[in-house]
Amino acid sequence: MSDSTKPIFIACAPRSGSTLLRLVLDAHPRLAVPSPCWMYELNYPYLYSYGDLSNKDNFRALAQDVHDNKFVQNLQMGLDVVGLMEAATEQSFKGIYEGIHIHYAKSKGKTRWGEKSPRDAFWVDDIIRDFPDAQIVHIVRDGRDMAIDIADSPEMLPNNIYTGAHIWREFNTAVINSAKSLNKDNYYVIRYEDICADPEPTLKKLCDFLGEDYDPAMLAHHTTESTKGWSKKANHVKTGRPINTDYCEMYKNRLPQNDIEALDAFIGDLLNKYNYPVSSSPSAIPDKLAAQLMESETVSAVWIIDYRRSLADGRRERIDQGVYKLEDRESLLWSLY
């Protein structure tokens, strides 16, 4: 039986299977890995504005803003601002972050906590500075599938495949760069496809890295109350099913060959790094088209997001009406619909 209390952080690009991994780990009898709190992304960059946190009033101001973070509220811990301050292990950002997760773990009868917020990929150096013994689990998914998945999502951006591949590259590169200062005891890479295709041996190896005994409950994550609740969300319905390979290698059936070759030219070096097959004749798209695709996802006004979603809904309706067919399009880089 392990007695480790090292915090576990899942780092990745979005739509890379991190929610599945979170729920699988959360099904372990010792591990509590709640929904994302996004505190390094939303609160940490602005610590300068609170002044000296040894001042109780300044610390209270930070606790108030953390309390108002809707992702923290999703943890449903029942703590008010004073409760957050009292739960903190020290009067600092690290202290309140750690206190929240320890409190959550105890509420679930567990002894070790973890965290998964995709944008932590850009904050690994800071996480290690705050938690030197933290173990970083870098989950990687085929960037072509990730780009399809995020473009398919009604609640996420970007809408186009090419920009999705760019995000995949940026997030994973950020983790790779931070990992250069890490070692085999606090950095581990796991592929989404390996979890799906061969879950038990893959998860046993992960448990070895974490210093935990493997537990069969991890393969039954879909039966837990945590998963049942989370899978009700539109973006996470898939996590409510047993582990499967349904969402692996989607690009082979969803994208025209010329789009696959374009993505392979764009992210093929990183695909190769993680042993994903790349076409023998990758073909980069023109610089002007690449710039158009990237610029189209730059949000200049909030209303544009809703407008683009309404346009996408209209395109889907026209497919259903037979106005046009996906197979008649030469490329899907602009939109899956």
C-alpha atoms as a PDB file:
ATOM      1  CA  MET A   1       0.000   0.000   0.000  1.00  0.00           C
ATOM      2  CA  SER A   2       1.362   3.389  -1.018  1.00  0.00           C
ATOM      3  CA  ASP A   3       1.634   6.240   1.465  1.00  0.00           C
ATOM      4  CA  SER A   4       2.623   8.871  -1.092  1.00  0.00           C
ATOM      5  CA  THR A   5       0.984  12.286  -0.856  1.00  0.00           C
ATOM      6  CA  LYS A   6       2.739  13.792  -3.876  1.00  0.00           C
ATOM      7  CA  PRO A   7       0.257  15.869  -5.872  1.00  0.00           C
ATOM      8  CA  ILE A   8      -0.511  14.668  -9.400  1.00  0.00           C
ATOM      9  CA  PHE A   9      -0.957  17.147 -12.244  1.00  0.00           C
ATOM     10  CA  ILE A  10      -2.290  16.111 -15.661  1.00  0.00           C
ATOM     11  CA  ALA A  11      -0.825  18.294 -18.416  1.00  0.00           C
ATOM     12  CA  CYS A  12      -2.007  18.183 -22.012  1.00  0.00           C
ATOM     13  CA  ALA A  13      -3.723  19.853 -24.924  1.00  0.00           C
ATOM     14  CA  PRO A  14      -7.528  20.067 -24.659  1.00  0.00           C
ATOM     15  CA  ARG A  15      -9.590  17.142 -25.999  1.00  0.00           C
ATOM     16  CA  SER A  16      -6.668  14.775 -25.424  1.00  0.00           C
ATOM     17  CA  GLY A  17      -8.402  12.335 -23.099  1.00  0.00           C
ATOM     18  CA  SER A  18      -7.479  14.198 -19.931  1.00  0.00           C
ATOM     19  CA  THR A  19     -11.008  14.019 -18.533  1.00  0.00           C
ATOM     20  CA  LEU A  20     -11.074  10.264 -19.084  1.00  0.00           C
ATOM     21  CA  LEU A  21      -7.701   9.970 -17.349  1.00  0.00           C
ATOM     22  CA  ARG A  22      -8.877  12.207 -14.500  1.00  0.00           C
ATOM     23  CA  LEU A  23     -11.945  10.048 -13.914  1.00  0.00           C
ATOM     24  CA  VAL A  24      -9.930   6.826 -14.169  1.00  0.00           C
ATOM     25  CA  LEU A  25      -7.504   8.093 -11.520  1.00  0.00           C
ATOM     26  CA  ASP A  26     -10.368   9.423  -9.416  1.00  0.00           C
ATOM     27  CA  ALA A  27     -11.840   5.899  -9.398  1.00  0.00           C
ATOM     28  CA  HIS A  28      -8.721   4.699  -7.544  1.00  0.00           C
ATOM     29  CA  PRO A  29      -9.487   4.198  -3.842  1.00  0.00           C
ATOM     30  CA  ARG A  30      -6.639   6.491  -2.737  1.00  0.00           C
ATOM     31  CA  LEU A  31      -6.798   9.249  -5.351  1.00  0.00           C
ATOM     32  CA  ALA A  32      -9.085  12.267  -5.559  1.00  0.00           C
ATOM     33  CA  VAL A  33      -8.841  14.140  -8.851  1.00  0.00           C
ATOM     34  CA  PRO A  34     -11.692  16.672  -9.029  1.00  0.00           C
ATOM     35  CA  SER A  35     -12.923  18.707 -11.967  1.00  0.00           C
ATOM     36  CA  PRO A  36     -10.556  21.457 -13.179  1.00  0.00           C
ATOM     37  CA  CYS A  37     -10.119  24.530 -10.994  1.00  0.00           C
ATOM     38  CA  TRP A  38      -8.152  26.607 -13.550  1.00  0.00           C
ATOM     39  CA  MET A  39      -6.476  28.586 -10.771  1.00  0.00           C
ATOM     40  CA  TYR A  40      -3.056  28.782 -12.432  1.00  0.00           C
ATOM     41  CA  GLU A  41      -4.700  30.155 -15.570  1.00  0.00           C
ATOM     42  CA  LEU A  42      -7.267  32.486 -13.977  1.00  0.00           C
ATOM     43  CA  ASN A  43      -5.814  33.573 -10.610  1.00  0.00           C
ATOM     44  CA  TYR A  44      -2.082  32.957 -10.495  1.00  0.00           C
ATOM     45  CA  PRO A  45      -1.002  35.530 -13.161  1.00  0.00           C
ATOM     46  CA  TYR A  46      -2.490  38.357 -11.107  1.00  0.00           C
ATOM     47  CA  LEU A  47      -0.942  37.611  -7.697  1.00  0.00           C
ATOM     48  CA  TYR A  48       1.012  40.857  -7.958  1.00  0.00           C
ATOM     49  CA  SER A  49      -2.258  42.756  -7.501  1.00  0.00           C
ATOM     50  CA  TYR A  50      -2.876  41.415  -3.985  1.00  0.00           C
ATOM     51  CA  GLY A  51       0.305  42.744  -2.433  1.00  0.00           C
ATOM     52  CA  ASP A  52       1.860  41.017   0.550  1.00  0.00           C
ATOM     53  CA  LEU A  53      -0.224  37.918   1.227  1.00  0.00           C
ATOM     54  CA  SER A  54       1.055  37.723   4.783  1.00  0.00           C
ATOM     55  CA  ASN A  55      -1.371  40.603   5.299  1.00  0.00           C
ATOM     56  CA  LYS A  56      -4.674  38.985   6.228  1.00  0.00           C
ATOM     57  CA  ASP A  57      -6.783  41.496   4.310  1.00  0.00           C
ATOM     58  CA  ASN A  58      -4.727  40.914   1.153  1.00  0.00           C
ATOM     59  CA  PHE A  59      -5.049  37.166   1.580  1.00  0.00           C
ATOM     60  CA  ARG A  60      -8.775  37.552   2.073  1.00  0.00           C
ATOM     61  CA  ALA A  61      -8.997  39.413  -1.252  1.00  0.00           C
ATOM     62  CA  LEU A  62      -7.276  36.489  -2.985  1.00  0.00           C
ATOM     63  CA  ALA A  63      -9.550  34.007  -1.206  1.00  0.00           C
ATOM     64  CA  GLN A  64     -12.581  35.994  -2.336  1.00  0.00           C
ATOM     65  CA  ASP A  65     -11.510  35.877  -5.975  1.00  0.00           C
ATOM     66  CA  VAL A  66     -10.736  32.171  -5.748  1.00  0.00           C
ATOM     67  CA  HIS A  67     -14.122  31.618  -4.143  1.00  0.00           C
ATOM     68  CA  ASP A  68     -15.761  33.467  -7.068  1.00  0.00           C
ATOM     69  CA  ASN A  69     -13.930  31.274  -9.610  1.00  0.00           C
ATOM     70  CA  LYS A  70     -16.789  29.205 -11.065  1.00  0.00           C
ATOM     71  CA  PHE A  71     -14.472  26.267 -11.656  1.00  0.00           C
ATOM     72  CA  VAL A  72     -13.662  26.193  -7.934  1.00  0.00           C
ATOM     73  CA  GLN A  73     -17.386  26.434  -7.174  1.00  0.00           C
ATOM     74  CA  ASN A  74     -17.901  23.353  -9.343  1.00  0.00           C
ATOM     75  CA  LEU A  75     -16.041  21.352  -6.684  1.00  0.00           C
ATOM     76  CA  GLN A  76     -19.051  21.881  -4.408  1.00  0.00           C
ATOM     77  CA  MET A  77     -17.018  21.903  -1.220  1.00  0.00           C
ATOM     78  CA  GLY A  78     -19.363  24.166   0.716  1.00  0.00           C
ATOM     79  CA  LEU A  79     -16.574  26.525   1.772  1.00  0.00           C
ATOM     80  CA  ASP A  80     -17.164  30.248   2.046  1.00  0.00           C
ATOM     81  CA  VAL A  81     -14.319  32.771   1.884  1.00  0.00           C
ATOM     82  CA  VAL A  82     -13.394  32.267   5.532  1.00  0.00           C
ATOM     83  CA  GLY A  83     -13.548  28.507   5.032  1.00  0.00           C
ATOM     84  CA  LEU A  84     -11.103  28.746   2.126  1.00  0.00           C
ATOM     85  CA  MET A  85      -8.742  30.807   4.258  1.00  0.00           C
ATOM     86  CA  GLU A  86      -8.933  28.305   7.087  1.00  0.00           C
ATOM     87  CA  ALA A  87      -8.424  25.357   4.714  1.00  0.00           C
ATOM     88  CA  ALA A  88      -5.238  26.903   3.287  1.00  0.00           C
ATOM     89  CA  THR A  89      -2.057  25.135   4.381  1.00  0.00           C
ATOM     90  CA  GLU A  90      -0.255  28.487   4.445  1.00  0.00           C
ATOM     91  CA  GLN A  91      -1.130  32.116   3.707  1.00  0.00           C
ATOM     92  CA  SER A  92      -0.188  32.032   0.019  1.00  0.00           C
ATOM     93  CA  PHE A  93      -1.523  31.039  -3.387  1.00  0.00           C
ATOM     94  CA  LYS A  94       0.088  27.618  -2.965  1.00  0.00           C
ATOM     95  CA  GLY A  95      -1.502  27.298   0.456  1.00  0.00           C
ATOM     96  CA  ILE A  96      -5.020  28.014  -0.731  1.00  0.00           C
ATOM     97  CA  TYR A  97      -4.572  25.808  -3.813  1.00  0.00           C
ATOM     98  CA  GLU A  98      -3.277  22.924  -1.728  1.00  0.00           C
ATOM     99  CA  GLY A  99      -5.901  23.457   0.961  1.00  0.00           C
ATOM    100  CA  ILE A 100      -8.744  23.262  -1.557  1.00  0.00           C
ATOM    101  CA  HIS A 101      -7.525  19.952  -2.936  1.00  0.00           C
ATOM    102  CA  ILE A 102      -6.731  18.407   0.443  1.00  0.00           C
ATOM    103  CA  HIS A 103     -10.195  19.408   1.656  1.00  0.00           C
ATOM    104  CA  TYR A 104     -11.752  17.871  -1.443  1.00  0.00           C
ATOM    105  CA  ALA A 105      -9.791  14.623  -1.042  1.00  0.00           C
ATOM    106  CA  LYS A 106     -10.775  14.306   2.622  1.00  0.00           C
ATOM    107  CA  SER A 107     -14.427  14.886   1.715  1.00  0.00           C
ATOM    108  CA  LYS A 108     -14.167  11.827  -0.545  1.00  0.00           C
ATOM    109  CA  GLY A 109     -12.374   9.738   2.081  1.00  0.00           C
ATOM    110  CA  LYS A 110      -9.122   9.785   0.122  1.00  0.00           C
ATOM    111  CA  THR A 111      -5.562  10.659   1.016  1.00  0.00           C
ATOM    112  CA  ARG A 112      -3.905  11.907  -2.181  1.00  0.00           C
ATOM    113  CA  TRP A 113      -5.031  14.590  -4.605  1.00  0.00           C
ATOM    114  CA  GLY A 114      -4.507  15.397  -8.232  1.00  0.00           C
ATOM    115  CA  GLU A 115      -5.501  18.134 -10.659  1.00  0.00           C
ATOM    116  CA  LYS A 116      -6.349  18.447 -14.333  1.00  0.00           C
ATOM    117  CA  SER A 117      -6.691  21.771 -16.095  1.00  0.00           C
ATOM    118  CA  PRO A 118      -5.487  21.625 -19.715  1.00  0.00           C
ATOM    119  CA  ARG A 119      -3.968  25.105 -19.592  1.00  0.00           C
ATOM    120  CA  ASP A 120      -1.685  23.922 -16.799  1.00  0.00           C
ATOM    121  CA  ALA A 121       0.427  22.873 -19.790  1.00  0.00           C
ATOM    122  CA  PHE A 122       1.764  26.438 -19.819  1.00  0.00           C
ATOM    123  CA  TRP A 123       2.305  26.602 -16.062  1.00  0.00           C
ATOM    124  CA  VAL A 124       4.306  23.449 -15.348  1.00  0.00           C
ATOM    125  CA  ASP A 125       7.397  25.420 -14.267  1.00  0.00           C
ATOM    126  CA  ASP A 126       5.327  27.405 -11.777  1.00  0.00           C
ATOM    127  CA  ILE A 127       3.526  24.289 -10.545  1.00  0.00           C
ATOM    128  CA  ILE A 128       6.863  22.598  -9.843  1.00  0.00           C
ATOM    129  CA  ARG A 129       8.097  25.748  -8.109  1.00  0.00           C
ATOM    130  CA  ASP A 130       5.085  25.590  -5.778  1.00  0.00           C
ATOM    131  CA  PHE A 131       5.020  21.786  -5.511  1.00  0.00           C
ATOM    132  CA  PRO A 132       8.581  20.467  -6.057  1.00  0.00           C
ATOM    133  CA  ASP A 133       7.507  16.863  -5.451  1.00  0.00           C
ATOM    134  CA  ALA A 134       4.581  17.013  -7.888  1.00  0.00           C
ATOM    135  CA  GLN A 135       4.277  14.291 -10.508  1.00  0.00           C
ATOM    136  CA  ILE A 136       3.389  15.550 -13.975  1.00  0.00           C
ATOM    137  CA  VAL A 137       1.436  13.143 -16.180  1.00  0.00           C
ATOM    138  CA  HIS A 138       1.544  14.321 -19.792  1.00  0.00           C
ATOM    139  CA  ILE A 139      -1.261  12.714 -21.762  1.00  0.00           C
ATOM    140  CA  VAL A 140      -0.881  12.904 -25.543  1.00  0.00           C
ATOM    141  CA  ARG A 141      -3.435  12.184 -28.231  1.00  0.00           C
ATOM    142  CA  ASP A 142      -3.030  12.114 -32.008  1.00  0.00           C
ATOM    143  CA  GLY A 143      -3.179  15.798 -32.958  1.00  0.00           C
ATOM    144  CA  ARG A 144      -5.362  15.132 -35.971  1.00  0.00           C
ATOM    145  CA  ASP A 145      -8.033  13.494 -33.828  1.00  0.00           C
ATOM    146  CA  MET A 146      -7.714  16.210 -31.197  1.00  0.00           C
ATOM    147  CA  ALA A 147      -8.254  18.882 -33.877  1.00  0.00           C
ATOM    148  CA  ILE A 148     -11.376  17.102 -35.120  1.00  0.00           C
ATOM    149  CA  ASP A 149     -12.708  16.666 -31.591  1.00  0.00           C
ATOM    150  CA  ILE A 150     -12.321  20.311 -30.610  1.00  0.00           C
ATOM    151  CA  ALA A 151     -13.817  21.529 -33.902  1.00  0.00           C
ATOM    152  CA  ASP A 152     -16.752  19.150 -33.336  1.00  0.00           C
ATOM    153  CA  SER A 153     -17.452  20.523 -29.877  1.00  0.00           C
ATOM    154  CA  PRO A 154     -20.412  22.911 -29.623  1.00  0.00           C
ATOM    155  CA  GLU A 155     -18.915  24.530 -26.518  1.00  0.00           C
ATOM    156  CA  MET A 156     -15.280  25.015 -27.491  1.00  0.00           C
ATOM    157  CA  LEU A 157     -13.050  26.901 -29.896  1.00  0.00           C
ATOM    158  CA  PRO A 158     -11.463  26.831 -32.414  1.00  0.00           C
ATOM    159  CA  ASN A 159     -13.933  25.866 -35.100  1.00  0.00           C
ATOM    160  CA  ASN A 160     -11.426  24.913 -37.776  1.00  0.00           C
ATOM    161  CA  ILE A 161      -9.168  21.888 -37.936  1.00  0.00           C
ATOM    162  CA  TYR A 162      -5.955  23.709 -38.816  1.00  0.00           C
ATOM    163  CA  THR A 163      -6.106  26.038 -35.811  1.00  0.00           C
ATOM    164  CA  GLY A 164      -6.965  23.049 -33.628  1.00  0.00           C
ATOM    165  CA  ALA A 165      -3.750  21.378 -34.799  1.00  0.00           C
ATOM    166  CA  HIS A 166      -1.897  24.587 -33.932  1.00  0.00           C
ATOM    167  CA  ILE A 167      -3.285  24.454 -30.392  1.00  0.00           C
ATOM    168  CA  TRP A 168      -2.219  20.811 -30.114  1.00  0.00           C
ATOM    169  CA  ARG A 169       1.312  21.789 -31.124  1.00  0.00           C
ATOM    170  CA  GLU A 170       1.485  24.769 -28.757  1.00  0.00           C
ATOM    171  CA  PHE A 171       0.172  22.967 -25.672  1.00  0.00           C
ATOM    172  CA  ASN A 172       2.334  19.888 -26.110  1.00  0.00           C
ATOM    173  CA  THR A 173       5.419  21.930 -26.952  1.00  0.00           C
ATOM    174  CA  ALA A 174       4.935  23.910 -23.748  1.00  0.00           C
ATOM    175  CA  VAL A 175       4.892  20.696 -21.689  1.00  0.00           C
ATOM    176  CA  ILE A 176       7.890  19.294 -23.593  1.00  0.00           C
ATOM    177  CA  ASN A 177       9.909  22.447 -22.903  1.00  0.00           C
ATOM    178  CA  SER A 178       9.087  22.362 -19.200  1.00  0.00           C
ATOM    179  CA  ALA A 179       9.859  18.639 -19.035  1.00  0.00           C
ATOM    180  CA  LYS A 180      13.499  19.364 -19.952  1.00  0.00           C
ATOM    181  CA  SER A 181      14.064  20.324 -16.317  1.00  0.00           C
ATOM    182  CA  LEU A 182      12.140  17.348 -14.943  1.00  0.00           C
ATOM    183  CA  ASN A 183      13.211  13.730 -14.413  1.00  0.00           C
ATOM    184  CA  LYS A 184      11.776  10.227 -14.607  1.00  0.00           C
ATOM    185  CA  ASP A 185      10.419  10.529 -11.062  1.00  0.00           C
ATOM    186  CA  ASN A 186       8.220  13.539 -11.757  1.00  0.00           C
ATOM    187  CA  TYR A 187       7.403  13.393 -15.476  1.00  0.00           C
ATOM    188  CA  TYR A 188       5.566  10.659 -17.343  1.00  0.00           C
ATOM    189  CA  VAL A 189       4.097  10.484 -20.848  1.00  0.00           C
ATOM    190  CA  ILE A 190       1.020   8.395 -21.565  1.00  0.00           C
ATOM    191  CA  ARG A 191      -0.852   8.148 -24.853  1.00  0.00           C
ATOM    192  CA  TYR A 192      -4.633   8.303 -24.983  1.00  0.00           C
ATOM    193  CA  GLU A 193      -4.661   5.589 -27.641  1.00  0.00           C
ATOM    194  CA  ASP A 194      -2.725   3.190 -25.387  1.00  0.00           C
ATOM    195  CA  ILE A 195      -5.212   3.710 -22.566  1.00  0.00           C
ATOM    196  CA  CYS A 196      -8.035   2.935 -24.991  1.00  0.00           C
ATOM    197  CA  ALA A 197      -6.462  -0.061 -26.739  1.00  0.00           C
ATOM    198  CA  ASP A 198      -4.717  -1.733 -23.820  1.00  0.00           C
ATOM    199  CA  PRO A 199      -6.031  -0.139 -20.629  1.00  0.00           C
ATOM    200  CA  GLU A 200      -4.960  -2.519 -17.873  1.00  0.00           C
ATOM    201  CA  PRO A 201      -1.216  -2.801 -18.642  1.00  0.00           C
ATOM    202  CA  THR A 202      -1.092   0.885 -19.571  1.00  0.00           C
ATOM    203  CA  LEU A 203      -2.663   1.927 -16.274  1.00  0.00           C
ATOM    204  CA  LYS A 204      -0.472  -0.485 -14.310  1.00  0.00           C
ATOM    205  CA  LYS A 205       2.611   1.240 -15.720  1.00  0.00           C
ATOM    206  CA  LEU A 206       1.139   4.615 -14.790  1.00  0.00           C
ATOM    207  CA  CYS A 207       0.498   3.375 -11.253  1.00  0.00           C
ATOM    208  CA  ASP A 208       4.100   2.191 -11.035  1.00  0.00           C
ATOM    209  CA  PHE A 209       5.229   5.710 -11.893  1.00  0.00           C
ATOM    210  CA  LEU A 210       2.866   7.227  -9.331  1.00  0.00           C
ATOM    211  CA  GLY A 211       3.961   4.774  -6.662  1.00  0.00           C
ATOM    212  CA  GLU A 212       0.439   3.436  -6.319  1.00  0.00           C
ATOM    213  CA  ASP A 213      -0.946  -0.074  -6.358  1.00  0.00           C
ATOM    214  CA  TYR A 214      -3.037  -0.678  -9.436  1.00  0.00           C
ATOM    215  CA  ASP A 215      -6.720  -1.174  -8.633  1.00  0.00           C
ATOM    216  CA  PRO A 216      -9.289  -2.790 -10.970  1.00  0.00           C
ATOM    217  CA  ALA A 217     -11.737  -0.041 -10.009  1.00  0.00           C
ATOM    218  CA  MET A 218      -9.854   2.175 -12.442  1.00  0.00           C
ATOM    219  CA  LEU A 219     -11.311   0.185 -15.337  1.00  0.00           C
ATOM    220  CA  ALA A 220     -14.805   0.730 -13.969  1.00  0.00           C
ATOM    221  CA  HIS A 221     -14.565   4.509 -13.825  1.00  0.00           C
ATOM    222  CA  HIS A 222     -17.869   4.776 -15.717  1.00  0.00           C
ATOM    223  CA  THR A 223     -19.717   3.306 -12.726  1.00  0.00           C
ATOM    224  CA  THR A 224     -18.610   5.971 -10.236  1.00  0.00           C
ATOM    225  CA  GLU A 225     -20.825   8.825  -9.107  1.00  0.00           C
ATOM    226  CA  SER A 226     -18.134  11.257 -10.200  1.00  0.00           C
ATOM    227  CA  THR A 227     -18.262  10.022 -13.796  1.00  0.00           C
ATOM    228  CA  LYS A 228     -22.031   9.699 -13.848  1.00  0.00           C
ATOM    229  CA  GLY A 229     -22.324  13.342 -12.869  1.00  0.00           C
ATOM    230  CA  TRP A 230     -19.618  14.659 -15.180  1.00  0.00           C
ATOM    231  CA  SER A 231     -20.772  12.690 -18.218  1.00  0.00           C
ATOM    232  CA  LYS A 232     -24.086  14.560 -18.148  1.00  0.00           C
ATOM    233  CA  LYS A 233     -22.215  17.559 -19.550  1.00  0.00           C
ATOM    234  CA  ALA A 234     -22.507  17.855 -23.329  1.00  0.00           C
ATOM    235  CA  ASN A 235     -18.747  18.014 -23.802  1.00  0.00           C
ATOM    236  CA  HIS A 236     -18.061  14.922 -21.717  1.00  0.00           C
ATOM    237  CA  VAL A 237     -20.793  12.415 -22.562  1.00  0.00           C
ATOM    238  CA  LYS A 238     -18.178  10.015 -23.945  1.00  0.00           C
ATOM    239  CA  THR A 239     -16.525   9.639 -20.535  1.00  0.00           C
ATOM    240  CA  GLY A 240     -19.618   7.865 -19.222  1.00  0.00           C
ATOM    241  CA  ARG A 241     -18.855   4.781 -21.303  1.00  0.00           C
ATOM    242  CA  PRO A 242     -16.381   1.967 -20.633  1.00  0.00           C
ATOM    243  CA  ILE A 243     -12.917   2.625 -22.056  1.00  0.00           C
ATOM    244  CA  ASN A 244     -12.963   1.960 -25.799  1.00  0.00           C
ATOM    245  CA  THR A 245     -11.193   2.803 -29.062  1.00  0.00           C
ATOM    246  CA  ASP A 246     -14.169   4.474 -30.771  1.00  0.00           C
ATOM    247  CA  TYR A 247     -12.441   7.841 -30.900  1.00  0.00           C
ATOM    248  CA  CYS A 248      -9.003   6.705 -32.012  1.00  0.00           C
ATOM    249  CA  GLU A 249      -7.774   7.339 -35.575  1.00  0.00           C
ATOM    250  CA  MET A 250     -10.923   9.289 -36.422  1.00  0.00           C
ATOM    251  CA  TYR A 251      -9.001  11.368 -38.931  1.00  0.00           C
ATOM    252  CA  LYS A 252      -8.667   8.373 -41.262  1.00  0.00           C
ATOM    253  CA  ASN A 253     -12.418   8.353 -41.865  1.00  0.00           C
ATOM    254  CA  ARG A 254     -13.272  11.991 -41.215  1.00  0.00           C
ATOM    255  CA  LEU A 255     -10.739  13.901 -43.305  1.00  0.00           C
ATOM    256  CA  PRO A 256      -9.882  13.900 -47.016  1.00  0.00           C
ATOM    257  CA  GLN A 257      -6.360  12.658 -47.782  1.00  0.00           C
ATOM    258  CA  ASN A 258      -5.195  16.141 -48.802  1.00  0.00           C
ATOM    259  CA  ASP A 259      -6.210  17.503 -45.389  1.00  0.00           C
ATOM    260  CA  ILE A 260      -4.349  14.682 -43.642  1.00  0.00           C
ATOM    261  CA  GLU A 261      -1.260  15.503 -45.683  1.00  0.00           C
ATOM    262  CA  ALA A 262      -1.627  19.197 -44.805  1.00  0.00           C
ATOM    263  CA  LEU A 263      -1.832  18.424 -41.078  1.00  0.00           C
ATOM    264  CA  ASP A 264       1.079  16.005 -41.348  1.00  0.00           C
ATOM    265  CA  ALA A 265       3.182  18.775 -42.887  1.00  0.00           C
ATOM    266  CA  PHE A 266       2.159  21.094 -40.052  1.00  0.00           C
ATOM    267  CA  ILE A 267       2.525  18.853 -36.979  1.00  0.00           C
ATOM    268  CA  GLY A 268       4.210  15.757 -38.388  1.00  0.00           C
ATOM    269  CA  ASP A 269       7.405  16.219 -36.388  1.00  0.00           C
ATOM    270  CA  LEU A 270       5.506  15.996 -33.095  1.00  0.00           C
ATOM    271  CA  LEU A 271       3.295  13.191 -34.367  1.00  0.00           C
ATOM    272  CA  ASN A 272       6.466  11.244 -35.117  1.00  0.00           C
ATOM    273  CA  LYS A 273       7.850  12.001 -31.656  1.00  0.00           C
ATOM    274  CA  TYR A 274       4.912  10.159 -30.117  1.00  0.00           C
ATOM    275  CA  ASN A 275       4.913   7.327 -32.649  1.00  0.00           C
ATOM    276  CA  TYR A 276       1.863   8.326 -34.647  1.00  0.00           C
ATOM    277  CA  PRO A 277       1.972   7.352 -38.322  1.00  0.00           C
ATOM    278  CA  VAL A 278       2.475  10.193 -40.771  1.00  0.00           C
ATOM    279  CA  SER A 279       1.723  10.142 -44.507  1.00  0.00           C
ATOM    280  CA  SER A 280       4.676   9.561 -46.819  1.00  0.00           C
ATOM    281  CA  SER A 281       3.910  12.711 -48.796  1.00  0.00           C
ATOM    282  CA  PRO A 282       2.953  15.531 -46.400  1.00  0.00           C
ATOM    283  CA  SER A 283       1.974  18.670 -48.271  1.00  0.00           C
ATOM    284  CA  ALA A 284       1.892  22.077 -46.586  1.00  0.00           C
ATOM    285  CA  ILE A 285      -0.944  24.426 -47.458  1.00  0.00           C
ATOM    286  CA  PRO A 286      -0.081  27.886 -48.888  1.00  0.00           C
ATOM    287  CA  ASP A 287       1.076  30.445 -46.311  1.00  0.00           C
ATOM    288  CA  LYS A 288      -1.842  32.736 -47.161  1.00  0.00           C
ATOM    289  CA  LEU A 289      -4.422  30.000 -46.477  1.00  0.00           C
ATOM    290  CA  ALA A 290      -2.668  29.080 -43.227  1.00  0.00           C
ATOM    291  CA  ALA A 291      -2.800  32.730 -42.135  1.00  0.00           C
ATOM    292  CA  GLN A 292      -6.482  32.985 -43.079  1.00  0.00           C
ATOM    293  CA  LEU A 293      -7.344  29.884 -41.070  1.00  0.00           C
ATOM    294  CA  MET A 294      -5.404  31.077 -38.014  1.00  0.00           C
ATOM    295  CA  GLU A 295      -6.725  34.646 -38.182  1.00  0.00           C
ATOM    296  CA  SER A 296     -10.314  33.490 -38.541  1.00  0.00           C
ATOM    297  CA  GLU A 297     -10.149  32.134 -34.983  1.00  0.00           C
ATOM    298  CA  THR A 298      -8.933  35.418 -33.473  1.00  0.00           C
ATOM    299  CA  VAL A 299     -11.849  36.717 -31.436  1.00  0.00           C
ATOM    300  CA  SER A 300     -12.280  40.459 -31.936  1.00  0.00           C
ATOM    301  CA  ALA A 301     -15.776  40.661 -30.455  1.00  0.00           C
ATOM    302  CA  VAL A 302     -17.604  38.257 -28.146  1.00  0.00           C
ATOM    303  CA  TRP A 303     -20.750  38.227 -30.309  1.00  0.00           C
ATOM    304  CA  ILE A 304     -18.730  36.724 -33.176  1.00  0.00           C
ATOM    305  CA  ILE A 305     -18.451  33.442 -31.248  1.00  0.00           C
ATOM    306  CA  ASP A 306     -22.234  33.067 -31.051  1.00  0.00           C
ATOM    307  CA  TYR A 307     -22.630  34.185 -34.660  1.00  0.00           C
ATOM    308  CA  ARG A 308     -20.143  31.588 -35.887  1.00  0.00           C
ATOM    309  CA  ARG A 309     -21.937  28.895 -33.911  1.00  0.00           C
ATOM    310  CA  SER A 310     -25.238  29.890 -35.503  1.00  0.00           C
ATOM    311  CA  LEU A 311     -23.591  29.698 -38.918  1.00  0.00           C
ATOM    312  CA  ALA A 312     -22.282  26.207 -38.106  1.00  0.00           C
ATOM    313  CA  ASP A 313     -25.779  25.155 -37.012  1.00  0.00           C
ATOM    314  CA  GLY A 314     -27.098  26.400 -40.350  1.00  0.00           C
ATOM    315  CA  ARG A 315     -24.505  24.386 -42.247  1.00  0.00           C
ATOM    316  CA  ARG A 316     -25.473  21.247 -40.349  1.00  0.00           C
ATOM    317  CA  GLU A 317     -29.120  21.845 -41.202  1.00  0.00           C
ATOM    318  CA  ARG A 318     -28.276  22.210 -44.887  1.00  0.00           C
ATOM    319  CA  ILE A 319     -26.416  18.889 -44.776  1.00  0.00           C
ATOM    320  CA  ASP A 320     -29.530  17.260 -43.309  1.00  0.00           C
ATOM    321  CA  GLN A 321     -31.629  18.922 -46.008  1.00  0.00           C
ATOM    322  CA  GLY A 322     -29.346  17.605 -48.736  1.00  0.00           C
ATOM    323  CA  VAL A 323     -28.306  21.076 -49.894  1.00  0.00           C
ATOM    324  CA  TYR A 324     -24.679  19.918 -49.929  1.00  0.00           C
ATOM    325  CA  LYS A 325     -22.634  16.867 -48.974  1.00  0.00           C
ATOM    326  CA  LEU A 326     -19.384  16.652 -47.032  1.00  0.00           C
ATOM    327  CA  GLU A 327     -17.912  14.331 -49.645  1.00  0.00           C
ATOM    328  CA  ASP A 328     -18.347  17.046 -52.283  1.00  0.00           C
ATOM    329  CA  ARG A 329     -15.871  19.306 -50.492  1.00  0.00           C
ATOM    330  CA  GLU A 330     -12.189  19.090 -51.362  1.00  0.00           C
ATOM    331  CA  SER A 331     -11.088  20.182 -47.895  1.00  0.00           C
ATOM    332  CA  LEU A 332     -12.566  20.327 -44.395  1.00  0.00           C
ATOM    333  CA  LEU A 333      -9.852  22.541 -42.905  1.00  0.00           C
ATOM    334  CA  TRP A 334     -12.206  25.517 -42.665  1.00  0.00           C
ATOM    335  CA  SER A 335     -15.002  23.583 -40.986  1.00  0.00           C
ATOM    336  CA  LEU A 336     -16.185  20.020 -40.469  1.00  0.00           C
ATOM    337  CA  TYR A 337     -19.616  21.143 -41.697  1.00  0.00           C
END
